[in-house]
Amino acid sequence: MARKKCRLDRQGIKKIDWKDVEFLSQFITPRGKIMSRRQTGLCAYHQRQLARAIKRARIMALLPFVRDYYL
């Protein structure tokens, strides 16, 4: 059985930019959590880059830490 290739490897993306908010928001749940590798379909290398980029975007106030207020 052939292994599934990483989504970003197929698109030829080498580096994830933390300033690309639209791209990063695809990998965040409605509550604001970072999605797991199983859900995103990324390899470990790109998943680490993605998490780092999301955290940087949050610190620079481009992405919220929590999307919606909930009780």
PDB file of N, CA and C in Angstrom:
ATOM      1  N   MET A   1       0.840  -1.176   0.000  1.00  0.00           N
ATOM      2  CA  MET A   1       0.000   0.000   0.000  1.00  0.00           C
ATOM      3  C   MET A   1       0.889   1.244   0.000  1.00  0.00           C
ATOM      4  N   ALA A   2       0.600   2.169  -0.882  1.00  0.00           N
ATOM      5  CA  ALA A   2       1.407   3.381  -1.005  1.00  0.00           C
ATOM      6  C   ALA A   2       1.095   4.339   0.140  1.00  0.00           C
ATOM      7  N   ARG A   3       2.131   5.011   0.609  1.00  0.00           N
ATOM      8  CA  ARG A   3       1.953   5.985   1.689  1.00  0.00           C
ATOM      9  C   ARG A   3       1.375   7.273   1.134  1.00  0.00           C
ATOM     10  N   LYS A   4       0.527   7.879   1.920  1.00  0.00           N
ATOM     11  CA  LYS A   4      -0.067   9.150   1.539  1.00  0.00           C
ATOM     12  C   LYS A   4       0.980  10.248   1.697  1.00  0.00           C
ATOM     13  N   LYS A   5       1.109  11.071   0.676  1.00  0.00           N
ATOM     14  CA  LYS A   5       2.106  12.131   0.706  1.00  0.00           C
ATOM     15  C   LYS A   5       1.540  13.372   1.391  1.00  0.00           C
ATOM     16  N   CYS A   6       2.413  14.098   2.009  1.00  0.00           N
ATOM     17  CA  CYS A   6       2.046  15.318   2.728  1.00  0.00           C
ATOM     18  C   CYS A   6       1.405  16.321   1.772  1.00  0.00           C
ATOM     19  N   ARG A   7       0.391  17.022   2.263  1.00  0.00           N
ATOM     20  CA  ARG A   7      -0.346  17.992   1.450  1.00  0.00           C
ATOM     21  C   ARG A   7       0.554  19.121   0.956  1.00  0.00           C
ATOM     22  N   LEU A   8       1.458  19.583   1.801  1.00  0.00           N
ATOM     23  CA  LEU A   8       2.337  20.686   1.412  1.00  0.00           C
ATOM     24  C   LEU A   8       3.466  20.204   0.505  1.00  0.00           C
ATOM     25  N   ASP A   9       3.889  18.959   0.655  1.00  0.00           N
ATOM     26  CA  ASP A   9       4.896  18.396  -0.249  1.00  0.00           C
ATOM     27  C   ASP A   9       4.340  18.306  -1.670  1.00  0.00           C
ATOM     28  N   ARG A  10       3.078  17.920  -1.779  1.00  0.00           N
ATOM     29  CA  ARG A  10       2.453  17.815  -3.103  1.00  0.00           C
ATOM     30  C   ARG A  10       2.329  19.180  -3.772  1.00  0.00           C
ATOM     31  N   GLN A  11       2.080  20.222  -2.975  1.00  0.00           N
ATOM     32  CA  GLN A  11       1.944  21.571  -3.522  1.00  0.00           C
ATOM     33  C   GLN A  11       3.297  22.243  -3.736  1.00  0.00           C
ATOM     34  N   GLY A  12       4.355  21.647  -3.204  1.00  0.00           N
ATOM     35  CA  GLY A  12       5.695  22.196  -3.390  1.00  0.00           C
ATOM     36  C   GLY A  12       6.030  23.334  -2.438  1.00  0.00           C
ATOM     37  N   ILE A  13       5.325  23.406  -1.314  1.00  0.00           N
ATOM     38  CA  ILE A  13       5.578  24.465  -0.335  1.00  0.00           C
ATOM     39  C   ILE A  13       6.740  24.041   0.554  1.00  0.00           C
ATOM     40  N   LYS A  14       7.795  24.849   0.577  1.00  0.00           N
ATOM     41  CA  LYS A  14       8.979  24.534   1.370  1.00  0.00           C
ATOM     42  C   LYS A  14       8.895  25.116   2.770  1.00  0.00           C
ATOM     43  N   LYS A  15       8.396  26.347   2.874  1.00  0.00           N
ATOM     44  CA  LYS A  15       8.369  27.034   4.156  1.00  0.00           C
ATOM     45  C   LYS A  15       6.989  27.652   4.382  1.00  0.00           C
ATOM     46  N   ILE A  16       6.500  27.568   5.611  1.00  0.00           N
ATOM     47  CA  ILE A  16       5.200  28.127   5.966  1.00  0.00           C
ATOM     48  C   ILE A  16       5.418  29.527   6.518  1.00  0.00           C
ATOM     49  N   ASP A  17       4.699  30.492   5.957  1.00  0.00           N
ATOM     50  CA  ASP A  17       4.852  31.887   6.357  1.00  0.00           C
ATOM     51  C   ASP A  17       3.854  32.217   7.459  1.00  0.00           C
ATOM     52  N   TRP A  18       4.316  32.782   8.557  1.00  0.00           N
ATOM     53  CA  TRP A  18       3.441  33.099   9.686  1.00  0.00           C
ATOM     54  C   TRP A  18       2.560  34.303   9.415  1.00  0.00           C
ATOM     55  N   LYS A  19       2.827  35.040   8.342  1.00  0.00           N
ATOM     56  CA  LYS A  19       2.021  36.217   8.009  1.00  0.00           C
ATOM     57  C   LYS A  19       0.826  35.878   7.119  1.00  0.00           C
ATOM     58  N   ASP A  20       0.768  34.668   6.614  1.00  0.00           N
ATOM     59  CA  ASP A  20      -0.335  34.239   5.746  1.00  0.00           C
ATOM     60  C   ASP A  20      -1.481  33.713   6.611  1.00  0.00           C
ATOM     61  N   VAL A  21      -2.310  34.627   7.077  1.00  0.00           N
ATOM     62  CA  VAL A  21      -3.360  34.299   8.045  1.00  0.00           C
ATOM     63  C   VAL A  21      -4.432  33.396   7.442  1.00  0.00           C
ATOM     64  N   GLU A  22      -4.800  33.613   6.198  1.00  0.00           N
ATOM     65  CA  GLU A  22      -5.834  32.793   5.564  1.00  0.00           C
ATOM     66  C   GLU A  22      -5.396  31.332   5.479  1.00  0.00           C
ATOM     67  N   PHE A  23      -4.142  31.106   5.143  1.00  0.00           N
ATOM     68  CA  PHE A  23      -3.627  29.742   5.057  1.00  0.00           C
ATOM     69  C   PHE A  23      -3.579  29.091   6.435  1.00  0.00           C
ATOM     70  N   LEU A  24      -3.092  29.816   7.436  1.00  0.00           N
ATOM     71  CA  LEU A  24      -2.961  29.262   8.785  1.00  0.00           C
ATOM     72  C   LEU A  24      -4.314  28.971   9.420  1.00  0.00           C
ATOM     73  N   SER A  25      -5.316  29.777   9.121  1.00  0.00           N
ATOM     74  CA  SER A  25      -6.623  29.580   9.742  1.00  0.00           C
ATOM     75  C   SER A  25      -7.308  28.296   9.274  1.00  0.00           C
ATOM     76  N   GLN A  26      -6.836  27.702   8.196  1.00  0.00           N
ATOM     77  CA  GLN A  26      -7.380  26.417   7.740  1.00  0.00           C
ATOM     78  C   GLN A  26      -7.035  25.295   8.713  1.00  0.00           C
ATOM     79  N   PHE A  27      -5.976  25.480   9.484  1.00  0.00           N
ATOM     80  CA  PHE A  27      -5.480  24.435  10.369  1.00  0.00           C
ATOM     81  C   PHE A  27      -5.826  24.685  11.830  1.00  0.00           C
ATOM     82  N   ILE A  28      -6.813  25.542  12.081  1.00  0.00           N
ATOM     83  CA  ILE A  28      -7.245  25.849  13.444  1.00  0.00           C
ATOM     84  C   ILE A  28      -8.710  25.454  13.590  1.00  0.00           C
ATOM     85  N   THR A  29      -9.051  24.813  14.709  1.00  0.00           N
ATOM     86  CA  THR A  29     -10.432  24.411  14.968  1.00  0.00           C
ATOM     87  C   THR A  29     -11.267  25.645  15.309  1.00  0.00           C
ATOM     88  N   PRO A  30     -12.601  25.514  15.313  1.00  0.00           N
ATOM     89  CA  PRO A  30     -13.446  26.661  15.685  1.00  0.00           C
ATOM     90  C   PRO A  30     -13.161  27.203  17.085  1.00  0.00           C
ATOM     91  N   ARG A  31     -12.646  26.380  17.969  1.00  0.00           N
ATOM     92  CA  ARG A  31     -12.307  26.839  19.319  1.00  0.00           C
ATOM     93  C   ARG A  31     -10.939  27.515  19.373  1.00  0.00           C
ATOM     94  N   GLY A  32     -10.156  27.375  18.319  1.00  0.00           N
ATOM     95  CA  GLY A  32      -8.854  28.025  18.275  1.00  0.00           C
ATOM     96  C   GLY A  32      -7.679  27.095  18.492  1.00  0.00           C
ATOM     97  N   LYS A  33      -7.917  25.794  18.553  1.00  0.00           N
ATOM     98  CA  LYS A  33      -6.827  24.842  18.756  1.00  0.00           C
ATOM     99  C   LYS A  33      -6.158  24.492  17.431  1.00  0.00           C
ATOM    100  N   ILE A  34      -4.901  24.121  17.514  1.00  0.00           N
ATOM    101  CA  ILE A  34      -4.161  23.674  16.334  1.00  0.00           C
ATOM    102  C   ILE A  34      -4.563  22.227  16.053  1.00  0.00           C
ATOM    103  N   MET A  35      -4.914  21.947  14.821  1.00  0.00           N
ATOM    104  CA  MET A  35      -5.343  20.594  14.455  1.00  0.00           C
ATOM    105  C   MET A  35      -4.164  19.625  14.466  1.00  0.00           C
ATOM    106  N   SER A  36      -4.462  18.359  14.709  1.00  0.00           N
ATOM    107  CA  SER A  36      -3.420  17.341  14.784  1.00  0.00           C
ATOM    108  C   SER A  36      -2.963  16.920  13.391  1.00  0.00           C
ATOM    109  N   ARG A  37      -1.872  16.176  13.357  1.00  0.00           N
ATOM    110  CA  ARG A  37      -1.323  15.691  12.083  1.00  0.00           C
ATOM    111  C   ARG A  37      -2.302  14.792  11.359  1.00  0.00           C
ATOM    112  N   ARG A  38      -3.038  14.000  12.083  1.00  0.00           N
ATOM    113  CA  ARG A  38      -4.013  13.105  11.455  1.00  0.00           C
ATOM    114  C   ARG A  38      -5.101  13.890  10.737  1.00  0.00           C
ATOM    115  N   GLN A  39      -5.502  14.992  11.323  1.00  0.00           N
ATOM    116  CA  GLN A  39      -6.551  15.806  10.712  1.00  0.00           C
ATOM    117  C   GLN A  39      -6.019  16.631   9.549  1.00  0.00           C
ATOM    118  N   THR A  40      -4.819  17.172   9.684  1.00  0.00           N
ATOM    119  CA  THR A  40      -4.287  18.051   8.649  1.00  0.00           C
ATOM    120  C   THR A  40      -3.694  17.284   7.476  1.00  0.00           C
ATOM    121  N   GLY A  41      -3.175  16.086   7.734  1.00  0.00           N
ATOM    122  CA  GLY A  41      -2.554  15.300   6.673  1.00  0.00           C
ATOM    123  C   GLY A  41      -1.153  15.776   6.331  1.00  0.00           C
ATOM    124  N   LEU A  42      -0.473  16.420   7.289  1.00  0.00           N
ATOM    125  CA  LEU A  42       0.875  16.917   7.059  1.00  0.00           C
ATOM    126  C   LEU A  42       1.910  15.953   7.627  1.00  0.00           C
ATOM    127  N   CYS A  43       3.123  16.030   7.095  1.00  0.00           N
ATOM    128  CA  CYS A  43       4.226  15.248   7.648  1.00  0.00           C
ATOM    129  C   CYS A  43       4.698  15.930   8.934  1.00  0.00           C
ATOM    130  N   ALA A  44       5.519  15.247   9.696  1.00  0.00           N
ATOM    131  CA  ALA A  44       5.978  15.780  10.978  1.00  0.00           C
ATOM    132  C   ALA A  44       6.746  17.083  10.798  1.00  0.00           C
ATOM    133  N   TYR A  45       7.555  17.167   9.753  1.00  0.00           N
ATOM    134  CA  TYR A  45       8.353  18.369   9.482  1.00  0.00           C
ATOM    135  C   TYR A  45       7.450  19.583   9.280  1.00  0.00           C
ATOM    136  N   HIS A  46       6.446  19.441   8.410  1.00  0.00           N
ATOM    137  CA  HIS A  46       5.559  20.556   8.125  1.00  0.00           C
ATOM    138  C   HIS A  46       4.607  20.844   9.289  1.00  0.00           C
ATOM    139  N   GLN A  47       4.231  19.816  10.057  1.00  0.00           N
ATOM    140  CA  GLN A  47       3.365  20.046  11.210  1.00  0.00           C
ATOM    141  C   GLN A  47       4.084  20.899  12.255  1.00  0.00           C
ATOM    142  N   ARG A  48       5.375  20.656  12.465  1.00  0.00           N
ATOM    143  CA  ARG A  48       6.151  21.476  13.398  1.00  0.00           C
ATOM    144  C   ARG A  48       6.260  22.910  12.896  1.00  0.00           C
ATOM    145  N   GLN A  49       6.501  23.067  11.601  1.00  0.00           N
ATOM    146  CA  GLN A  49       6.563  24.418  11.013  1.00  0.00           C
ATOM    147  C   GLN A  49       5.221  25.129  11.151  1.00  0.00           C
ATOM    148  N   LEU A  50       4.140  24.396  10.932  1.00  0.00           N
ATOM    149  CA  LEU A  50       2.800  24.962  11.033  1.00  0.00           C
ATOM    150  C   LEU A  50       2.517  25.436  12.454  1.00  0.00           C
ATOM    151  N   ALA A  51       2.816  24.615  13.435  1.00  0.00           N
ATOM    152  CA  ALA A  51       2.578  24.983  14.836  1.00  0.00           C
ATOM    153  C   ALA A  51       3.390  26.217  15.212  1.00  0.00           C
ATOM    154  N   ARG A  52       4.633  26.270  14.784  1.00  0.00           N
ATOM    155  CA  ARG A  52       5.499  27.411  15.069  1.00  0.00           C
ATOM    156  C   ARG A  52       4.947  28.683  14.413  1.00  0.00           C
ATOM    157  N   ALA A  53       4.463  28.565  13.176  1.00  0.00           N
ATOM    158  CA  ALA A  53       3.922  29.717  12.459  1.00  0.00           C
ATOM    159  C   ALA A  53       2.634  30.221  13.112  1.00  0.00           C
ATOM    160  N   ILE A  54       1.774  29.306  13.547  1.00  0.00           N
ATOM    161  CA  ILE A  54       0.527  29.704  14.205  1.00  0.00           C
ATOM    162  C   ILE A  54       0.829  30.414  15.516  1.00  0.00           C
ATOM    163  N   LYS A  55       1.777  29.887  16.281  1.00  0.00           N
ATOM    164  CA  LYS A  55       2.133  30.510  17.554  1.00  0.00           C
ATOM    165  C   LYS A  55       2.731  31.894  17.351  1.00  0.00           C
ATOM    166  N   ARG A  56       3.545  32.064  16.322  1.00  0.00           N
ATOM    167  CA  ARG A  56       4.118  33.378  16.022  1.00  0.00           C
ATOM    168  C   ARG A  56       3.035  34.356  15.597  1.00  0.00           C
ATOM    169  N   ALA A  57       2.090  33.888  14.778  1.00  0.00           N
ATOM    170  CA  ALA A  57       0.998  34.755  14.324  1.00  0.00           C
ATOM    171  C   ALA A  57       0.116  35.162  15.504  1.00  0.00           C
ATOM    172  N   ARG A  58      -0.065  34.289  16.472  1.00  0.00           N
ATOM    173  CA  ARG A  58      -0.852  34.626  17.658  1.00  0.00           C
ATOM    174  C   ARG A  58      -0.137  35.700  18.486  1.00  0.00           C
ATOM    175  N   ILE A  59       1.154  35.554  18.661  1.00  0.00           N
ATOM    176  CA  ILE A  59       1.910  36.522  19.444  1.00  0.00           C
ATOM    177  C   ILE A  59       1.886  37.888  18.774  1.00  0.00           C
ATOM    178  N   MET A  60       1.926  37.925  17.454  1.00  0.00           N
ATOM    179  CA  MET A  60       1.889  39.194  16.721  1.00  0.00           C
ATOM    180  C   MET A  60       0.461  39.705  16.523  1.00  0.00           C
ATOM    181  N   ALA A  61      -0.519  39.047  17.144  1.00  0.00           N
ATOM    182  CA  ALA A  61      -1.937  39.433  17.128  1.00  0.00           C
ATOM    183  C   ALA A  61      -2.561  39.350  15.737  1.00  0.00           C
ATOM    184  N   LEU A  62      -2.071  38.454  14.895  1.00  0.00           N
ATOM    185  CA  LEU A  62      -2.698  38.221  13.595  1.00  0.00           C
ATOM    186  C   LEU A  62      -3.779  37.155  13.703  1.00  0.00           C
ATOM    187  N   LEU A  63      -3.593  36.222  14.628  1.00  0.00           N
ATOM    188  CA  LEU A  63      -4.570  35.169  14.891  1.00  0.00           C
ATOM    189  C   LEU A  63      -4.973  35.239  16.358  1.00  0.00           C
ATOM    190  N   PRO A  64      -6.226  34.928  16.665  1.00  0.00           N
ATOM    191  CA  PRO A  64      -6.642  34.927  18.066  1.00  0.00           C
ATOM    192  C   PRO A  64      -6.189  33.652  18.775  1.00  0.00           C
ATOM    193  N   PHE A  65      -5.983  33.757  20.071  1.00  0.00           N
ATOM    194  CA  PHE A  65      -5.669  32.564  20.857  1.00  0.00           C
ATOM    195  C   PHE A  65      -6.916  31.708  21.010  1.00  0.00           C
ATOM    196  N   VAL A  66      -8.068  32.342  21.181  1.00  0.00           N
ATOM    197  CA  VAL A  66      -9.357  31.656  21.282  1.00  0.00           C
ATOM    198  C   VAL A  66     -10.301  32.340  20.311  1.00  0.00           C
ATOM    199  N   ARG A  67     -10.960  31.564  19.445  1.00  0.00           N
ATOM    200  CA  ARG A  67     -11.828  32.146  18.418  1.00  0.00           C
ATOM    201  C   ARG A  67     -13.076  32.778  19.021  1.00  0.00           C
ATOM    202  N   ASP A  68     -13.869  31.967  19.702  1.00  0.00           N
ATOM    203  CA  ASP A  68     -15.131  32.440  20.253  1.00  0.00           C
ATOM    204  C   ASP A  68     -15.117  32.332  21.765  1.00  0.00           C
ATOM    205  N   TYR A  69     -15.832  33.211  22.391  1.00  0.00           N
ATOM    206  CA  TYR A  69     -15.972  33.123  23.835  1.00  0.00           C
ATOM    207  C   TYR A  69     -16.988  32.040  24.143  1.00  0.00           C
ATOM    208  N   TYR A  70     -16.641  31.150  25.027  1.00  0.00           N
ATOM    209  CA  TYR A  70     -17.556  30.087  25.407  1.00  0.00           C
ATOM    210  C   TYR A  70     -17.521  29.897  26.917  1.00  0.00           C
ATOM    211  N   LEU A  71     -18.608  29.386  27.448  1.00  0.00           N
ATOM    212  CA  LEU A  71     -18.725  29.159  28.897  1.00  0.00           C
ATOM    213  C   LEU A  71     -18.449  27.720  29.257  1.00  0.00           C
TER     214      LEU A  71
END
